[in-house]
Amino acid sequence: MSVGPEVIDIVIGITVLEALALLAYHRKTGKGVAGSQFMVNLLAGLSLMLALRLAVGGAAWAWVAASLMLAGAFHGLDLWRRWQR
């Protein structure tokens, strides 16, 4: 059984909904995780999922590579920010 693009789309959608829920909860209650603490990490993961989605969907290699480079940039930024603390 292979994973189709639709399954990846669902995972991306659930991840975006999770992020919105976390942001809303923090904004309403002041509790939980602030967006500034997880957003860069989330964007790195979403970029990886986008690269997978593009690859499974048959996109040109340049788009897959660009998504992977974006994921690497977000990951590097996340590590740099955590190292500063």
Protein backbone atom coordinates (compact mmCIF):
# COMPACT_ATOMS: atom_id res chain seq x y z
CA MET A 1 0.00 0.00 0.00
CA SER A 2 1.38 3.40 -0.94
CA VAL A 3 0.67 6.77 0.59
CA GLY A 4 -1.11 9.12 -1.74
CA PRO A 5 -0.95 12.90 -1.76
CA GLU A 6 -4.36 13.06 -0.08
CA VAL A 7 -3.06 11.46 3.10
CA ILE A 8 -0.24 13.99 3.29
CA ASP A 9 -2.72 16.81 2.69
CA ILE A 10 -4.75 15.58 5.67
CA VAL A 11 -1.67 15.46 7.91
CA ILE A 12 -0.69 18.99 6.86
CA GLY A 13 -4.22 20.20 7.53
CA ILE A 14 -4.33 18.62 10.98
CA THR A 15 -0.95 20.16 11.81
CA VAL A 16 -2.15 23.62 10.80
CA LEU A 17 -5.34 23.19 12.85
CA GLU A 18 -3.27 22.08 15.85
CA ALA A 19 -1.11 25.20 15.55
CA LEU A 20 -4.16 27.45 15.32
CA ALA A 21 -5.68 25.76 18.38
CA LEU A 22 -2.47 26.21 20.38
CA LEU A 23 -2.25 29.88 19.38
CA ALA A 24 -5.91 30.51 20.25
CA TYR A 25 -5.62 28.74 23.60
CA HIS A 26 -2.53 30.72 24.55
CA ARG A 27 -4.07 34.00 23.44
CA LYS A 28 -7.30 33.34 25.38
CA THR A 29 -5.82 31.92 28.60
CA GLY A 30 -2.18 33.01 28.66
CA LYS A 31 -1.33 29.37 29.35
CA GLY A 32 0.21 26.72 27.14
CA VAL A 33 2.92 27.33 24.59
CA ALA A 34 3.40 30.72 22.98
CA GLY A 35 3.62 30.80 19.21
CA SER A 36 7.12 32.27 19.40
CA GLN A 37 8.24 29.08 21.13
CA PHE A 38 7.01 26.58 18.54
CA MET A 39 6.33 28.35 15.26
CA VAL A 40 9.79 28.01 13.68
CA ASN A 41 9.92 24.30 14.57
CA LEU A 42 6.42 23.84 13.17
CA LEU A 43 7.39 25.59 9.93
CA ALA A 44 10.39 23.26 9.58
CA GLY A 45 8.08 20.25 9.90
CA LEU A 46 5.52 21.69 7.51
CA SER A 47 8.27 22.35 4.97
CA LEU A 48 9.33 18.70 5.19
CA MET A 49 5.72 17.58 4.73
CA LEU A 50 5.43 19.91 1.74
CA ALA A 51 8.55 18.37 0.20
CA LEU A 52 7.08 14.90 0.68
CA ARG A 53 3.75 16.05 -0.79
CA LEU A 54 5.49 17.50 -3.82
CA ALA A 55 7.62 14.40 -4.35
CA VAL A 56 4.67 12.02 -4.07
CA GLY A 57 2.62 14.28 -6.32
CA GLY A 58 5.26 14.17 -9.05
CA ALA A 59 6.43 17.78 -8.83
CA ALA A 60 9.67 18.88 -10.42
CA TRP A 61 12.76 18.13 -8.36
CA ALA A 62 13.53 21.84 -7.99
CA TRP A 63 10.34 22.38 -5.96
CA VAL A 64 11.16 19.42 -3.73
CA ALA A 65 14.69 20.71 -3.25
CA ALA A 66 13.43 24.21 -2.45
CA SER A 67 11.08 22.83 0.19
CA LEU A 68 13.91 20.81 1.73
CA MET A 69 16.18 23.86 1.79
CA LEU A 70 13.40 25.85 3.45
CA ALA A 71 13.00 23.10 6.07
CA GLY A 72 16.75 23.18 6.68
CA ALA A 73 16.72 26.96 7.08
CA PHE A 74 13.85 26.82 9.60
CA HIS A 75 15.60 24.01 11.46
CA GLY A 76 18.84 25.97 11.60
CA LEU A 77 16.98 29.05 12.86
CA ASP A 78 15.23 26.97 15.51
CA LEU A 79 18.55 25.51 16.72
CA TRP A 80 20.17 28.94 16.74
CA ARG A 81 17.30 30.43 18.78
CA ARG A 82 17.42 27.59 21.30
CA TRP A 83 21.20 27.87 21.58
CA GLN A 84 20.87 31.56 22.46
CA ARG A 85 18.85 30.76 25.59
